[in-house]
């Protein structure tokens, strides 16, 4: 497989309501389980999102992965 065959699409959606912020990131890549013990510079994003928001969802699927977060801003 050539490097150019590995190009992924990414989409970001941000929605600010009166009292909540919703962020969704979707890509066409395959979900990889975070393993920070193998590389201390990778695999910390989900942990950071969980520390800074009230809700984090990860939905892997055959066409990509969707990560959603929700934060109260009131």
PDB file of N, CA and C in Angstrom:
ATOM      1  N   UNK A   1       0.838  -1.169   0.000  1.00  0.00           N
ATOM      2  CA  UNK A   1       0.000   0.000   0.000  1.00  0.00           C
ATOM      3  C   UNK A   1       0.890   1.240   0.000  1.00  0.00           C
ATOM      4  N   UNK A   2       0.579   2.183  -0.822  1.00  0.00           N
ATOM      5  CA  UNK A   2       1.319   3.437  -0.922  1.00  0.00           C
ATOM      6  C   UNK A   2       0.852   4.405   0.161  1.00  0.00           C
ATOM      7  N   UNK A   3       1.734   5.307   0.580  1.00  0.00           N
ATOM      8  CA  UNK A   3       1.362   6.303   1.591  1.00  0.00           C
ATOM      9  C   UNK A   3       0.146   7.107   1.156  1.00  0.00           C
ATOM     10  N   UNK A   4       0.057   7.485  -0.117  1.00  0.00           N
ATOM     11  CA  UNK A   4      -1.086   8.267  -0.571  1.00  0.00           C
ATOM     12  C   UNK A   4      -2.399   7.493  -0.479  1.00  0.00           C
ATOM     13  N   UNK A   5      -2.327   6.160  -0.400  1.00  0.00           N
ATOM     14  CA  UNK A   5      -3.532   5.354  -0.227  1.00  0.00           C
ATOM     15  C   UNK A   5      -4.056   5.434   1.204  1.00  0.00           C
ATOM     16  N   UNK A   6      -3.244   5.931   2.135  1.00  0.00           N
ATOM     17  CA  UNK A   6      -3.613   5.961   3.544  1.00  0.00           C
ATOM     18  C   UNK A   6      -4.266   7.281   3.962  1.00  0.00           C
ATOM     19  N   UNK A   7      -4.521   8.167   3.007  1.00  0.00           N
ATOM     20  CA  UNK A   7      -5.104   9.459   3.333  1.00  0.00           C
ATOM     21  C   UNK A   7      -6.489   9.262   3.943  1.00  0.00           C
ATOM     22  N   UNK A   8      -6.696   9.895   5.093  1.00  0.00           N
ATOM     23  CA  UNK A   8      -7.963   9.789   5.796  1.00  0.00           C
ATOM     24  C   UNK A   8      -8.681  11.127   5.735  1.00  0.00           C
ATOM     25  N   UNK A   9      -9.991  11.083   5.741  1.00  0.00           N
ATOM     26  CA  UNK A   9     -10.747  12.320   5.877  1.00  0.00           C
ATOM     27  C   UNK A   9     -11.076  12.532   7.349  1.00  0.00           C
ATOM     28  N   UNK A  10     -11.172  13.788   7.749  1.00  0.00           N
ATOM     29  CA  UNK A  10     -11.522  14.142   9.118  1.00  0.00           C
ATOM     30  C   UNK A  10     -12.577  15.232   9.076  1.00  0.00           C
ATOM     31  N   UNK A  11     -13.530  15.132  10.011  1.00  0.00           N
ATOM     32  CA  UNK A  11     -14.576  16.143  10.107  1.00  0.00           C
ATOM     33  C   UNK A  11     -14.696  16.579  11.563  1.00  0.00           C
ATOM     34  N   UNK A  12     -14.868  17.868  11.788  1.00  0.00           N
ATOM     35  CA  UNK A  12     -15.055  18.410  13.122  1.00  0.00           C
ATOM     36  C   UNK A  12     -16.369  19.169  13.139  1.00  0.00           C
ATOM     37  N   UNK A  13     -17.168  18.909  14.164  1.00  0.00           N
ATOM     38  CA  UNK A  13     -18.413  19.648  14.348  1.00  0.00           C
ATOM     39  C   UNK A  13     -18.405  20.180  15.778  1.00  0.00           C
ATOM     40  N   UNK A  14     -18.662  21.464  15.929  1.00  0.00           N
ATOM     41  CA  UNK A  14     -18.756  22.090  17.250  1.00  0.00           C
ATOM     42  C   UNK A  14     -20.109  22.777  17.342  1.00  0.00           C
ATOM     43  N   UNK A  15     -20.787  22.550  18.455  1.00  0.00           N
ATOM     44  CA  UNK A  15     -22.092  23.152  18.666  1.00  0.00           C
ATOM     45  C   UNK A  15     -22.125  23.727  20.078  1.00  0.00           C
ATOM     46  N   UNK A  16     -22.319  25.043  20.184  1.00  0.00           N
ATOM     47  CA  UNK A  16     -22.414  25.699  21.482  1.00  0.00           C
ATOM     48  C   UNK A  16     -23.873  26.056  21.726  1.00  0.00           C
ATOM     49  N   UNK A  17     -24.425  25.525  22.795  1.00  0.00           N
ATOM     50  CA  UNK A  17     -25.786  25.844  23.206  1.00  0.00           C
ATOM     51  C   UNK A  17     -25.711  26.765  24.420  1.00  0.00           C
ATOM     52  N   UNK A  18     -26.826  27.115  24.979  1.00  0.00           N
ATOM     53  CA  UNK A  18     -26.845  28.027  26.119  1.00  0.00           C
ATOM     54  C   UNK A  18     -25.993  27.496  27.269  1.00  0.00           C
ATOM     55  N   UNK A  19     -26.077  26.199  27.540  1.00  0.00           N
ATOM     56  CA  UNK A  19     -25.383  25.662  28.710  1.00  0.00           C
ATOM     57  C   UNK A  19     -24.491  24.455  28.429  1.00  0.00           C
ATOM     58  N   UNK A  20     -24.334  24.078  27.172  1.00  0.00           N
ATOM     59  CA  UNK A  20     -23.504  22.916  26.832  1.00  0.00           C
ATOM     60  C   UNK A  20     -22.694  23.175  25.560  1.00  0.00           C
ATOM     61  N   UNK A  21     -21.561  22.523  25.501  1.00  0.00           N
ATOM     62  CA  UNK A  21     -20.735  22.512  24.300  1.00  0.00           C
ATOM     63  C   UNK A  21     -20.626  21.061  23.837  1.00  0.00           C
ATOM     64  N   UNK A  22     -20.922  20.822  22.592  1.00  0.00           N
ATOM     65  CA  UNK A  22     -20.821  19.485  21.995  1.00  0.00           C
ATOM     66  C   UNK A  22     -19.760  19.528  20.905  1.00  0.00           C
ATOM     67  N   UNK A  23     -18.802  18.620  20.950  1.00  0.00           N
ATOM     68  CA  UNK A  23     -17.788  18.489  19.911  1.00  0.00           C
ATOM     69  C   UNK A  23     -17.829  17.076  19.375  1.00  0.00           C
ATOM     70  N   UNK A  24     -17.737  16.946  18.054  1.00  0.00           N
ATOM     71  CA  UNK A  24     -17.685  15.636  17.409  1.00  0.00           C
ATOM     72  C   UNK A  24     -16.558  15.649  16.387  1.00  0.00           C
ATOM     73  N   UNK A  25     -15.718  14.639  16.443  1.00  0.00           N
ATOM     74  CA  UNK A  25     -14.646  14.452  15.464  1.00  0.00           C
ATOM     75  C   UNK A  25     -14.872  13.095  14.811  1.00  0.00           C
ATOM     76  N   UNK A  26     -14.898  13.079  13.494  1.00  0.00           N
ATOM     77  CA  UNK A  26     -15.078  11.825  12.762  1.00  0.00           C
ATOM     78  C   UNK A  26     -13.944  11.688  11.763  1.00  0.00           C
ATOM     79  N   UNK A  27     -13.443  10.474  11.615  1.00  0.00           N
ATOM     80  CA  UNK A  27     -12.416  10.220  10.611  1.00  0.00           C
ATOM     81  C   UNK A  27     -12.684   8.889   9.928  1.00  0.00           C
ATOM     82  N   UNK A  28     -11.939   8.633   8.889  1.00  0.00           N
ATOM     83  CA  UNK A  28     -12.136   7.395   8.124  1.00  0.00           C
ATOM     84  C   UNK A  28     -11.124   6.323   8.504  1.00  0.00           C
ATOM     85  N   UNK A  29     -10.394   6.548   9.588  1.00  0.00           N
ATOM     86  CA  UNK A  29      -9.391   5.578  10.020  1.00  0.00           C
ATOM     87  C   UNK A  29      -9.964   4.514  10.928  1.00  0.00           C
ATOM     88  N   UNK A  30      -9.149   3.534  11.227  1.00  0.00           N
ATOM     89  CA  UNK A  30      -9.540   2.459  12.139  1.00  0.00           C
ATOM     90  C   UNK A  30      -9.162   2.836  13.567  1.00  0.00           C
ATOM     91  N   UNK A  31     -10.024   2.491  14.521  1.00  0.00           N
ATOM     92  CA  UNK A  31      -9.775   2.776  15.932  1.00  0.00           C
ATOM     93  C   UNK A  31      -8.617   1.924  16.428  1.00  0.00           C
ATOM     94  N   UNK A  32      -7.731   2.570  17.161  1.00  0.00           N
ATOM     95  CA  UNK A  32      -6.617   1.870  17.806  1.00  0.00           C
ATOM     96  C   UNK A  32      -6.755   2.077  19.298  1.00  0.00           C
ATOM     97  N   UNK A  33      -6.666   1.004  20.047  1.00  0.00           N
ATOM     98  CA  UNK A  33      -6.742   1.106  21.495  1.00  0.00           C
ATOM     99  C   UNK A  33      -5.535   1.895  21.994  1.00  0.00           C
ATOM    100  N   UNK A  34      -5.772   2.932  22.843  1.00  0.00           N
ATOM    101  CA  UNK A  34      -4.637   3.709  23.349  1.00  0.00           C
ATOM    102  C   UNK A  34      -3.696   2.833  24.177  1.00  0.00           C
ATOM    103  N   UNK A  35      -2.400   2.952  23.932  1.00  0.00           N
ATOM    104  CA  UNK A  35      -1.376   2.212  24.671  1.00  0.00           C
ATOM    105  C   UNK A  35      -0.223   3.154  25.014  1.00  0.00           C
ATOM    106  N   UNK A  36      -0.463   4.079  25.959  1.00  0.00           N
ATOM    107  CA  UNK A  36       0.591   5.052  26.287  1.00  0.00           C
ATOM    108  C   UNK A  36       1.848   4.421  26.863  1.00  0.00           C
ATOM    109  N   UNK A  37       1.729   3.211  27.388  1.00  0.00           N
ATOM    110  CA  UNK A  37       2.926   2.556  27.930  1.00  0.00           C
ATOM    111  C   UNK A  37       3.924   2.193  26.832  1.00  0.00           C
ATOM    112  N   UNK A  38       3.451   2.035  25.606  1.00  0.00           N
ATOM    113  CA  UNK A  38       4.347   1.721  24.484  1.00  0.00           C
ATOM    114  C   UNK A  38       5.040   2.959  23.933  1.00  0.00           C
ATOM    115  N   UNK A  39       4.340   4.091  23.977  1.00  0.00           N
ATOM    116  CA  UNK A  39       4.899   5.347  23.491  1.00  0.00           C
ATOM    117  C   UNK A  39       4.321   6.458  24.364  1.00  0.00           C
ATOM    118  N   UNK A  40       5.120   7.063  25.234  1.00  0.00           N
ATOM    119  CA  UNK A  40       4.593   8.052  26.175  1.00  0.00           C
ATOM    120  C   UNK A  40       4.060   9.320  25.510  1.00  0.00           C
ATOM    121  N   UNK A  41       4.297   9.508  24.226  1.00  0.00           N
ATOM    122  CA  UNK A  41       3.846  10.705  23.517  1.00  0.00           C
ATOM    123  C   UNK A  41       2.548  10.475  22.749  1.00  0.00           C
ATOM    124  N   UNK A  42       1.962   9.286  22.856  1.00  0.00           N
ATOM    125  CA  UNK A  42       0.734   8.976  22.125  1.00  0.00           C
ATOM    126  C   UNK A  42      -0.265   8.288  23.050  1.00  0.00           C
ATOM    127  N   UNK A  43      -1.527   8.299  22.634  1.00  0.00           N
ATOM    128  CA  UNK A  43      -2.534   7.539  23.355  1.00  0.00           C
ATOM    129  C   UNK A  43      -3.090   8.201  24.602  1.00  0.00           C
ATOM    130  N   UNK A  44      -2.968   9.512  24.716  1.00  0.00           N
ATOM    131  CA  UNK A  44      -3.464  10.202  25.906  1.00  0.00           C
ATOM    132  C   UNK A  44      -4.684  11.069  25.631  1.00  0.00           C
ATOM    133  N   UNK A  45      -5.114  11.161  24.397  1.00  0.00           N
ATOM    134  CA  UNK A  45      -6.225  12.043  24.029  1.00  0.00           C
ATOM    135  C   UNK A  45      -7.530  11.713  24.726  1.00  0.00           C
ATOM    136  N   UNK A  46      -7.907  10.447  24.768  1.00  0.00           N
ATOM    137  CA  UNK A  46      -9.163  10.051  25.404  1.00  0.00           C
ATOM    138  C   UNK A  46      -9.105  10.356  26.906  1.00  0.00           C
ATOM    139  N   UNK A  47      -7.976  10.090  27.539  1.00  0.00           N
ATOM    140  CA  UNK A  47      -7.821  10.386  28.964  1.00  0.00           C
ATOM    141  C   UNK A  47      -7.978  11.881  29.222  1.00  0.00           C
ATOM    142  N   UNK A  48      -7.386  12.708  28.384  1.00  0.00           N
ATOM    143  CA  UNK A  48      -7.520  14.158  28.529  1.00  0.00           C
ATOM    144  C   UNK A  48      -8.968  14.602  28.320  1.00  0.00           C
ATOM    145  N   UNK A  49      -9.629  14.066  27.304  1.00  0.00           N
ATOM    146  CA  UNK A  49     -11.020  14.435  27.052  1.00  0.00           C
ATOM    147  C   UNK A  49     -11.901  14.055  28.238  1.00  0.00           C
ATOM    148  N   UNK A  50     -11.687  12.884  28.810  1.00  0.00           N
ATOM    149  CA  UNK A  50     -12.490  12.450  29.962  1.00  0.00           C
ATOM    150  C   UNK A  50     -12.238  13.333  31.178  1.00  0.00           C
ATOM    151  N   UNK A  51     -11.029  13.844  31.332  1.00  0.00           N
ATOM    152  CA  UNK A  51     -10.708  14.716  32.460  1.00  0.00           C
ATOM    153  C   UNK A  51     -11.325  16.105  32.300  1.00  0.00           C
ATOM    154  N   UNK A  52     -11.532  16.554  31.066  1.00  0.00           N
ATOM    155  CA  UNK A  52     -11.995  17.923  30.827  1.00  0.00           C
ATOM    156  C   UNK A  52     -13.472  18.048  30.461  1.00  0.00           C
ATOM    157  N   UNK A  53     -14.152  16.937  30.223  1.00  0.00           N
ATOM    158  CA  UNK A  53     -15.557  17.006  29.828  1.00  0.00           C
ATOM    159  C   UNK A  53     -16.387  16.041  30.668  1.00  0.00           C
ATOM    160  N   UNK A  54     -17.701  16.186  30.595  1.00  0.00           N
ATOM    161  CA  UNK A  54     -18.584  15.311  31.363  1.00  0.00           C
ATOM    162  C   UNK A  54     -18.878  14.003  30.647  1.00  0.00           C
ATOM    163  N   UNK A  55     -18.779  14.001  29.330  1.00  0.00           N
ATOM    164  CA  UNK A  55     -19.124  12.793  28.581  1.00  0.00           C
ATOM    165  C   UNK A  55     -18.219  12.650  27.365  1.00  0.00           C
ATOM    166  N   UNK A  56     -17.714  11.440  27.156  1.00  0.00           N
ATOM    167  CA  UNK A  56     -16.920  11.110  25.969  1.00  0.00           C
ATOM    168  C   UNK A  56     -17.463   9.804  25.406  1.00  0.00           C
ATOM    169  N   UNK A  57     -17.720   9.801  24.108  1.00  0.00           N
ATOM    170  CA  UNK A  57     -18.138   8.571  23.439  1.00  0.00           C
ATOM    171  C   UNK A  57     -17.190   8.285  22.283  1.00  0.00           C
ATOM    172  N   UNK A  58     -16.868   7.028  22.098  1.00  0.00           N
ATOM    173  CA  UNK A  58     -16.049   6.584  20.976  1.00  0.00           C
ATOM    174  C   UNK A  58     -16.847   5.510  20.259  1.00  0.00           C
ATOM    175  N   UNK A  59     -17.123   5.765  18.974  1.00  0.00           N
ATOM    176  CA  UNK A  59     -17.920   4.835  18.184  1.00  0.00           C
ATOM    177  C   UNK A  59     -17.106   4.396  16.965  1.00  0.00           C
ATOM    178  N   UNK A  60     -16.420   3.249  17.061  1.00  0.00           N
ATOM    179  CA  UNK A  60     -15.697   2.746  15.894  1.00  0.00           C
ATOM    180  C   UNK A  60     -16.655   2.032  14.951  1.00  0.00           C
ATOM    181  N   UNK A  61     -16.363   2.107  13.679  1.00  0.00           N
ATOM    182  CA  UNK A  61     -17.187   1.426  12.690  1.00  0.00           C
ATOM    183  C   UNK A  61     -16.380   1.105  11.455  1.00  0.00           C
ATOM    184  N   UNK A  62     -16.967   0.399  10.500  1.00  0.00           N
ATOM    185  CA  UNK A  62     -16.239  -0.008   9.302  1.00  0.00           C
ATOM    186  C   UNK A  62     -15.812   1.163   8.410  1.00  0.00           C
ATOM    187  N   UNK A  63     -16.497   2.304   8.518  1.00  0.00           N
ATOM    188  CA  UNK A  63     -16.124   3.443   7.684  1.00  0.00           C
ATOM    189  C   UNK A  63     -15.348   4.510   8.441  1.00  0.00           C
ATOM    190  N   UNK A  64     -15.005   4.251   9.710  1.00  0.00           N
ATOM    191  CA  UNK A  64     -14.228   5.209  10.477  1.00  0.00           C
ATOM    192  C   UNK A  64     -14.619   5.228  11.936  1.00  0.00           C
ATOM    193  N   UNK A  65     -14.128   6.238  12.646  1.00  0.00           N
ATOM    194  CA  UNK A  65     -14.367   6.374  14.079  1.00  0.00           C
ATOM    195  C   UNK A  65     -14.962   7.744  14.347  1.00  0.00           C
ATOM    196  N   UNK A  66     -15.928   7.783  15.271  1.00  0.00           N
ATOM    197  CA  UNK A  66     -16.540   9.038  15.689  1.00  0.00           C
ATOM    198  C   UNK A  66     -16.299   9.208  17.190  1.00  0.00           C
ATOM    199  N   UNK A  67     -15.734  10.337  17.574  1.00  0.00           N
ATOM    200  CA  UNK A  67     -15.511  10.650  18.977  1.00  0.00           C
ATOM    201  C   UNK A  67     -16.347  11.881  19.304  1.00  0.00           C
ATOM    202  N   UNK A  68     -17.154  11.774  20.354  1.00  0.00           N
ATOM    203  CA  UNK A  68     -17.987  12.893  20.768  1.00  0.00           C
ATOM    204  C   UNK A  68     -17.689  13.271  22.205  1.00  0.00           C
ATOM    205  N   UNK A  69     -17.768  14.578  22.511  1.00  0.00           N
ATOM    206  CA  UNK A  69     -17.604  15.058  23.869  1.00  0.00           C
ATOM    207  C   UNK A  69     -18.705  16.057  24.179  1.00  0.00           C
ATOM    208  N   UNK A  70     -19.018  16.159  25.451  1.00  0.00           N
ATOM    209  CA  UNK A  70     -20.015  17.125  25.907  1.00  0.00           C
ATOM    210  C   UNK A  70     -19.506  17.772  27.177  1.00  0.00           C
ATOM    211  N   UNK A  71     -19.636  19.099  27.249  1.00  0.00           N
ATOM    212  CA  UNK A  71     -19.147  19.854  28.411  1.00  0.00           C
ATOM    213  C   UNK A  71     -20.188  20.890  28.802  1.00  0.00           C
ATOM    214  N   UNK A  72     -20.497  20.954  30.089  1.00  0.00           N
ATOM    215  CA  UNK A  72     -21.391  21.982  30.596  1.00  0.00           C
ATOM    216  C   UNK A  72     -20.623  23.308  30.644  1.00  0.00           C
ATOM    217  N   UNK A  73     -21.244  24.384  30.145  1.00  0.00           N
ATOM    218  CA  UNK A  73     -20.579  25.692  30.146  1.00  0.00           C
ATOM    219  C   UNK A  73     -21.407  26.728  30.898  1.00  0.00           C
ATOM    220  N   UNK A  74     -22.341  26.282  31.706  1.00  0.00           N
ATOM    221  CA  UNK A  74     -23.179  27.251  32.437  1.00  0.00           C
ATOM    222  C   UNK A  74     -22.541  27.627  33.754  1.00  0.00           C
TER     223      UNK A  74
END
